[in-house]
Each structure stands twice: as structure tokens, then as C-alpha cells.
Amino acid sequence: MKLSKVSDRVYANWDGETGGNVGIIRLDDRVLVVDAQYPGSARRFREAIPRVTDKPLSHLLLTHIHGDHVFGNMVFEDLEIVSHRRLWEKMEKSLDNEWTPGNLEKMLETYRRDAPERWWLFEGLRIVVPTTTFTETWETDGVEFIHTGGHTDCSSVVYVPEDRALFAGDLLFVGRFPWAGDPTADPDRWIEAFQRILKMDVEKIVPGHGPLCDMEEVERQLKWMKEVRWIMRGLIEEGVSEEEVLDYRYPELYATERPEWQKRSWIRWYQHWSG
């Protein structure tokens, strides 16, 4: 895995080959890690870090709950793992449900059977939960970890003011339709998050998926999301059937190769605005 330079102290990988984007922030005497992907790719990620800095790793910051960002926690469990409190709560709850030893084994067997070419990413998966949580913000040496919600109820961004850099997590999908089908996805909070980001002094943004971008991408996606909201809420208020609302041809942000992904996102937003 290659870590490319974003700013003087920020490096990231955004090739998208193995999961969500990951990166590091190099402080004076230590390094912060942002997101962890899967066990297999997390090992490659950690092996790549000494190629750009010899400083010790101190913290892993998790932007949200999804597996392509947190399943690699086990590779960094010697660090202080930081997340929004809801992420910790959801992981703890999942350990009593879908991640019990038997259920986790069944899930891994499904991956091994249905996607053998990607099995190396999941092999040996062991769930490791955060050790430190916050509710609004968490800060260290000028780096700000800020809860926003939107993509999920635990979504947070990592802001590095001195470098004018931001890790946006999955609030931003660049070059593809955004996954908005999480049961806790909230498009109104997502819009508010974009508006909050636009008030920050940021030059370069590491999205959750896709290549490095800037504030123009945030403005573009904010405009699109507000337009979709205006149209969908209008249809709902007019009493249009659910089927018609979901089948409506909304403005296109990016073409999608996964129409079922897009449909599930529309369903979640419909549920939110019609509820």
C-alpha cells in the first residue's frame, strides 16, 4: 500500500483497491492513524507507515462504524483507539448479536465462499472496539476530531487546521454514488455537515472513497443533496406513492454501477423524510 503526501504532515491512501481511504497525521513526536480498513489491508497499511515517518504511532481515529473502516482495528490495538461514543456503543451491541463468535464465523465463511479473491482481507478477523470515546469533539495537538452525523449517526471528520487538511470519512464519495442506506443515515444532518465543512479553512480533503478533492467537491455534493431533498420532500408532501418517489429520476451526482445501492439509499431517505 502506498501513502501519498497530502500536506506537510498528512499522508493518505485513496486508491480504493482494498476498502475505505486511510491515512496518517504526523505530529512532532508521534503519529495519528485515521481508519483501518480490513485486517489484511490494515497490515499492509501499517507496514507502509514507516516508509514516510519513523515516529511512533499513538492513536487510531475511526470516522464511522462500517467494516471497511473498523475491521482492521486489531492491527492497531496497541494504540489508543478513538471514536464517537455511538460507534463504540454499536460495536459493543454487535458483539452480542451479529458479531458473536458463531455468527462472525458464519459471516467469514460466506466471504470465503462467495468472494475467495478477497478472502485475504478478512482472514483472522477479530473485533477490537474503541478505548476512548467522545460526544462532540476530541482534540490533540491541534488536530480536531469532530462529530457530524449524516452518513451514519456516528460519522465524524478529522480536521488538521495547520495543514488545511480534512479527512471527511464517508460523508464524501468522490466519483461514485454515495452510500446513504445505513439505517442511521440522516440526509438533513449530512447537509448540515457539508455546510459546517465549508466554514472550515480547508484546501485538501481525503474523502472516505475516491481521490483527493477540495471544497468545490463539497459545494457540488451539497447542492445536489439539497436539490434531491427539495424534490423528494415535495413529492412526499404531494402524496405521491412510495414506488413513484423511489423510481423518480433525480438529478445525477455520479453514474452508478450499483443501482441496488442507489435504490437502498433512496429508500432510507424516503423513510427519513416521510416518517
Protein backbone atom coordinates (compact mmCIF):
# COMPACT_ATOMS: atom_id res chain seq x y z
CA MET A 1 0.00 0.00 0.00
CA LYS A 2 1.32 3.44 -0.93
CA LEU A 3 0.84 6.52 1.24
CA SER A 4 0.84 9.71 -0.81
CA LYS A 5 1.59 13.17 0.56
CA VAL A 6 -1.45 15.38 1.14
CA SER A 7 0.30 18.16 3.08
CA ASP A 8 3.47 18.59 5.14
CA ARG A 9 2.15 16.31 7.89
CA VAL A 10 -0.70 14.38 6.28
CA TYR A 11 -0.38 11.25 4.12
CA ALA A 12 -3.14 9.04 2.77
CA ASN A 13 -4.03 6.16 0.52
CA TRP A 14 -7.02 6.63 -1.76
CA ASP A 15 -6.56 4.00 -4.47
CA GLY A 16 -9.73 2.22 -3.30
CA GLU A 17 -8.37 -1.24 -4.00
CA THR A 18 -9.00 -2.69 -0.56
CA GLY A 19 -11.61 -0.56 1.21
CA GLY A 20 -12.18 2.93 2.54
CA ASN A 21 -9.44 5.53 2.37
CA VAL A 22 -6.93 5.61 5.22
CA GLY A 23 -4.18 7.99 6.29
CA ILE A 24 -1.89 9.38 8.95
CA ILE A 25 -1.14 12.72 10.60
CA ARG A 26 2.48 13.21 11.62
CA LEU A 27 2.80 15.26 14.81
CA ASP A 28 6.01 16.48 16.43
CA ASP A 29 6.68 13.30 18.40
CA ARG A 30 4.07 10.78 17.27
CA VAL A 31 1.61 9.77 14.56
CA LEU A 32 -2.19 9.62 14.44
CA VAL A 33 -3.75 6.97 12.20
CA VAL A 34 -7.12 7.56 10.50
CA ASP A 35 -9.30 4.48 9.84
CA ALA A 36 -8.14 0.89 9.50
CA GLN A 37 -9.83 -0.94 6.56
CA TYR A 38 -9.81 -4.77 6.92
CA PRO A 39 -7.31 -7.00 8.77
CA GLY A 40 -5.31 -7.93 5.65
CA SER A 41 -5.11 -4.43 4.21
CA ALA A 42 -4.55 -2.91 7.68
CA ARG A 43 -1.36 -4.94 7.95
CA ARG A 44 -0.16 -3.53 4.62
CA PHE A 45 -1.20 -0.06 5.74
CA ARG A 46 0.80 -0.33 8.96
CA GLU A 47 3.81 -1.70 7.07
CA ALA A 48 3.68 1.35 4.78
CA ILE A 49 3.76 3.94 7.55
CA PRO A 50 7.50 3.62 8.40
CA ARG A 51 8.26 4.46 4.76
CA VAL A 52 7.05 8.04 5.35
CA THR A 53 7.84 8.55 9.04
CA ASP A 54 9.84 6.91 11.81
CA LYS A 55 7.76 8.44 14.61
CA PRO A 56 5.77 6.06 16.86
CA LEU A 57 2.03 5.57 16.38
CA SER A 58 -0.15 6.73 19.26
CA HIS A 59 -3.83 6.85 18.23
CA LEU A 60 -6.23 5.32 15.72
CA LEU A 61 -9.16 7.63 14.87
CA LEU A 62 -12.27 5.94 13.45
CA THR A 63 -14.57 8.06 11.25
CA HIS A 64 -17.56 5.67 11.40
CA ILE A 65 -18.79 2.13 12.04
CA HIS A 66 -18.63 0.38 8.65
CA GLY A 67 -16.43 -2.69 8.32
CA ASP A 68 -14.11 -1.31 5.65
CA HIS A 69 -13.05 1.30 8.21
CA VAL A 70 -13.05 -0.62 11.52
CA PHE A 71 -12.41 -4.33 10.87
CA GLY A 72 -8.68 -3.62 10.77
CA ASN A 73 -8.68 -2.26 14.35
CA MET A 74 -7.00 -5.48 15.53
CA VAL A 75 -3.81 -4.48 13.70
CA PHE A 76 -3.67 -1.24 15.73
CA GLU A 77 -4.94 -2.48 19.09
CA ASP A 78 -1.70 -1.39 20.78
CA LEU A 79 -2.78 2.21 20.12
CA GLU A 80 -5.43 4.31 21.83
CA ILE A 81 -8.46 3.82 19.57
CA VAL A 82 -10.75 6.86 19.47
CA SER A 83 -14.29 7.18 18.12
CA HIS A 84 -17.62 8.85 18.69
CA ARG A 85 -19.48 7.22 21.57
CA ARG A 86 -22.22 5.87 19.26
CA LEU A 87 -19.63 3.92 17.28
CA TRP A 88 -18.41 2.24 20.47
CA GLU A 89 -21.99 1.52 21.56
CA LYS A 90 -22.86 -0.01 18.20
CA MET A 91 -19.76 -2.21 18.15
CA GLU A 92 -20.46 -3.41 21.68
CA LYS A 93 -24.06 -4.21 20.73
CA SER A 94 -22.93 -6.05 17.59
CA LEU A 95 -20.63 -8.21 19.71
CA ASP A 96 -23.80 -9.52 21.38
CA ASN A 97 -25.62 -10.00 18.07
CA GLU A 98 -24.20 -10.36 14.55
CA TRP A 99 -20.60 -10.50 15.80
CA THR A 100 -20.96 -13.28 18.36
CA PRO A 101 -18.31 -15.96 17.73
CA GLY A 102 -20.73 -18.25 15.89
CA ASN A 103 -22.27 -15.52 13.75
CA LEU A 104 -18.90 -13.96 12.95
CA GLU A 105 -17.63 -17.36 11.83
CA LYS A 106 -20.64 -17.76 9.52
CA MET A 107 -20.10 -14.27 8.08
CA LEU A 108 -16.44 -15.03 7.38
CA GLU A 109 -17.33 -18.36 5.78
CA THR A 110 -19.72 -16.51 3.46
CA TYR A 111 -16.92 -14.15 2.43
CA ARG A 112 -14.56 -17.09 1.89
CA ARG A 113 -17.12 -18.91 -0.28
CA ASP A 114 -18.59 -16.00 -2.27
CA ALA A 115 -15.52 -13.81 -2.74
CA PRO A 116 -12.40 -16.01 -2.46
CA GLU A 117 -10.28 -13.38 -4.20
CA ARG A 118 -10.95 -11.01 -1.29
CA TRP A 119 -10.68 -13.57 1.50
CA TRP A 120 -7.17 -12.39 2.40
CA LEU A 121 -8.71 -9.10 3.56
CA PHE A 122 -10.89 -10.78 6.22
CA GLU A 123 -8.84 -13.78 7.29
CA GLY A 124 -8.22 -13.83 11.03
CA LEU A 125 -10.74 -11.07 11.75
CA ARG A 126 -11.08 -10.29 15.44
CA ILE A 127 -13.28 -7.43 16.60
CA VAL A 128 -11.50 -4.72 18.60
CA VAL A 129 -13.56 -1.84 20.00
CA PRO A 130 -12.51 1.76 20.71
CA THR A 131 -10.82 2.54 24.01
CA THR A 132 -11.64 6.27 24.10
CA THR A 133 -14.90 7.95 23.08
CA PHE A 134 -16.27 11.47 22.71
CA THR A 135 -19.67 13.07 22.09
CA GLU A 136 -18.94 16.36 20.28
CA THR A 137 -15.20 16.85 19.73
CA TRP A 138 -11.89 15.32 20.71
CA GLU A 139 -8.61 17.21 20.27
CA THR A 140 -4.89 16.54 20.50
CA ASP A 141 -2.00 18.78 19.47
CA GLY A 142 -4.18 20.96 17.26
CA VAL A 143 -5.94 18.08 15.48
CA GLU A 144 -9.74 18.18 15.85
CA PHE A 145 -11.96 15.08 15.69
CA ILE A 146 -15.50 16.39 15.15
CA HIS A 147 -18.80 14.52 15.25
CA THR A 148 -21.19 15.40 12.40
CA GLY A 149 -23.58 12.51 11.80
CA GLY A 150 -25.09 12.22 8.33
CA HIS A 151 -23.68 9.15 6.63
CA THR A 152 -24.19 7.32 9.93
CA ASP A 153 -25.15 8.60 13.36
CA CYS A 154 -21.53 8.16 14.49
CA SER A 155 -19.85 9.80 11.47
CA SER A 156 -17.02 12.19 12.35
CA VAL A 157 -14.36 14.15 10.47
CA VAL A 158 -10.70 14.72 11.30
CA TYR A 159 -9.61 18.34 10.80
CA VAL A 160 -5.96 19.43 10.70
CA PRO A 161 -6.18 23.26 10.68
CA GLU A 162 -2.43 23.88 10.49
CA ASP A 163 -2.26 21.86 7.28
CA ARG A 164 -5.65 23.00 5.96
CA ALA A 165 -6.49 19.31 5.53
CA LEU A 166 -9.55 17.21 6.34
CA PHE A 167 -10.40 13.52 6.49
CA ALA A 168 -14.12 13.53 5.62
CA GLY A 169 -14.86 9.83 6.08
CA ASP A 170 -17.85 8.58 4.12
CA LEU A 171 -19.56 11.95 4.09
CA LEU A 172 -17.77 12.14 0.75
CA PHE A 173 -17.75 9.56 -2.03
CA VAL A 174 -15.89 11.04 -4.99
CA GLY A 175 -16.52 9.62 -8.44
CA ARG A 176 -19.34 7.34 -7.35
CA PHE A 177 -22.83 7.49 -5.91
CA PRO A 178 -22.67 7.90 -2.12
CA TRP A 179 -23.82 5.01 0.06
CA ALA A 180 -26.68 6.51 2.04
CA GLY A 181 -28.55 3.36 3.02
CA ASP A 182 -27.29 2.91 6.57
CA PRO A 183 -30.25 2.60 8.98
CA THR A 184 -28.99 5.69 10.82
CA ALA A 185 -28.22 7.80 7.72
CA ASP A 186 -29.71 11.27 8.08
CA PRO A 187 -29.65 13.45 4.93
CA ASP A 188 -30.50 16.60 6.89
CA ARG A 189 -27.51 16.08 9.20
CA TRP A 190 -25.44 15.26 6.10
CA ILE A 191 -26.36 18.62 4.58
CA GLU A 192 -25.51 20.35 7.85
CA ALA A 193 -22.16 18.55 7.90
CA PHE A 194 -21.31 19.85 4.43
CA GLN A 195 -22.28 23.36 5.49
CA ARG A 196 -20.06 23.04 8.55
CA ILE A 197 -17.12 21.82 6.48
CA LEU A 198 -17.49 24.76 4.10
CA LYS A 199 -16.86 27.11 7.04
CA MET A 200 -13.51 25.45 7.75
CA ASP A 201 -10.21 26.62 6.31
CA VAL A 202 -9.52 23.55 4.18
CA GLU A 203 -7.52 23.16 0.98
CA LYS A 204 -7.31 19.37 0.59
CA ILE A 205 -9.82 16.72 1.56
CA VAL A 206 -9.34 12.97 1.88
CA PRO A 207 -12.81 11.51 1.17
CA GLY A 208 -13.97 8.17 2.52
CA HIS A 209 -13.85 6.77 -1.01
CA GLY A 210 -12.38 8.20 -4.18
CA PRO A 211 -9.47 10.53 -4.95
CA LEU A 212 -8.25 13.58 -3.08
CA CYS A 213 -10.55 16.57 -3.58
CA ASP A 214 -11.20 20.14 -2.42
CA MET A 215 -14.05 22.37 -1.29
CA GLU A 216 -15.53 22.51 -4.80
CA GLU A 217 -16.49 18.86 -4.40
CA VAL A 218 -18.22 19.61 -1.09
CA GLU A 219 -20.12 22.50 -2.70
CA ARG A 220 -21.13 20.28 -5.61
CA GLN A 221 -22.41 17.49 -3.41
CA LEU A 222 -24.18 19.90 -1.06
CA LYS A 223 -26.02 21.49 -4.00
CA TRP A 224 -27.01 18.05 -5.30
CA MET A 225 -28.20 16.79 -1.93
CA LYS A 226 -30.28 19.90 -1.28
CA GLU A 227 -31.88 19.55 -4.71
CA VAL A 228 -32.74 15.89 -4.09
CA ARG A 229 -34.20 16.85 -0.71
CA TRP A 230 -36.34 19.58 -2.26
CA ILE A 231 -37.68 17.21 -4.92
CA MET A 232 -38.26 14.16 -2.71
CA ARG A 233 -39.88 16.09 0.12
CA GLY A 234 -42.09 17.83 -2.43
CA LEU A 235 -43.23 14.51 -3.88
CA ILE A 236 -43.95 13.16 -0.40
CA GLU A 237 -45.98 16.26 0.52
CA GLU A 238 -47.98 15.89 -2.71
CA GLY A 239 -48.96 12.38 -1.64
CA VAL A 240 -47.12 10.62 -4.46
CA SER A 241 -46.85 6.87 -3.86
CA GLU A 242 -43.70 5.41 -2.34
CA GLU A 243 -42.99 3.48 -5.52
CA GLU A 244 -43.17 6.63 -7.64
CA VAL A 245 -40.97 8.56 -5.22
CA LEU A 246 -38.32 5.83 -5.32
CA ASP A 247 -38.50 5.47 -9.12
CA TYR A 248 -38.31 9.22 -9.80
CA ARG A 249 -35.35 10.29 -11.95
CA TYR A 250 -33.44 12.52 -9.54
CA PRO A 251 -30.51 14.70 -10.68
CA GLU A 252 -27.38 12.62 -11.17
CA LEU A 253 -24.36 13.26 -9.00
CA TYR A 254 -22.33 10.36 -10.36
CA ALA A 255 -23.38 7.44 -12.50
CA THR A 256 -23.72 4.26 -10.51
CA GLU A 257 -22.76 0.71 -11.40
CA ARG A 258 -24.75 -0.50 -8.40
CA PRO A 259 -28.39 0.53 -8.91
CA GLU A 260 -29.47 -1.56 -5.91
CA TRP A 261 -27.11 0.55 -3.74
CA GLN A 262 -28.73 3.71 -5.06
CA LYS A 263 -32.24 2.33 -4.55
CA ARG A 264 -31.48 1.42 -0.92
CA SER A 265 -30.17 4.95 -0.37
CA TRP A 266 -33.38 6.45 -1.78
CA ILE A 267 -35.40 4.12 0.46
CA ARG A 268 -33.54 5.33 3.55
CA TRP A 269 -34.03 8.98 2.63
CA TYR A 270 -37.70 8.37 1.87
CA GLN A 271 -38.11 6.76 5.29
CA HIS A 272 -36.40 9.73 6.93
CA TRP A 273 -38.49 12.41 5.21
CA SER A 274 -41.82 10.58 5.27
CA GLY A 275 -41.51 9.44 8.87
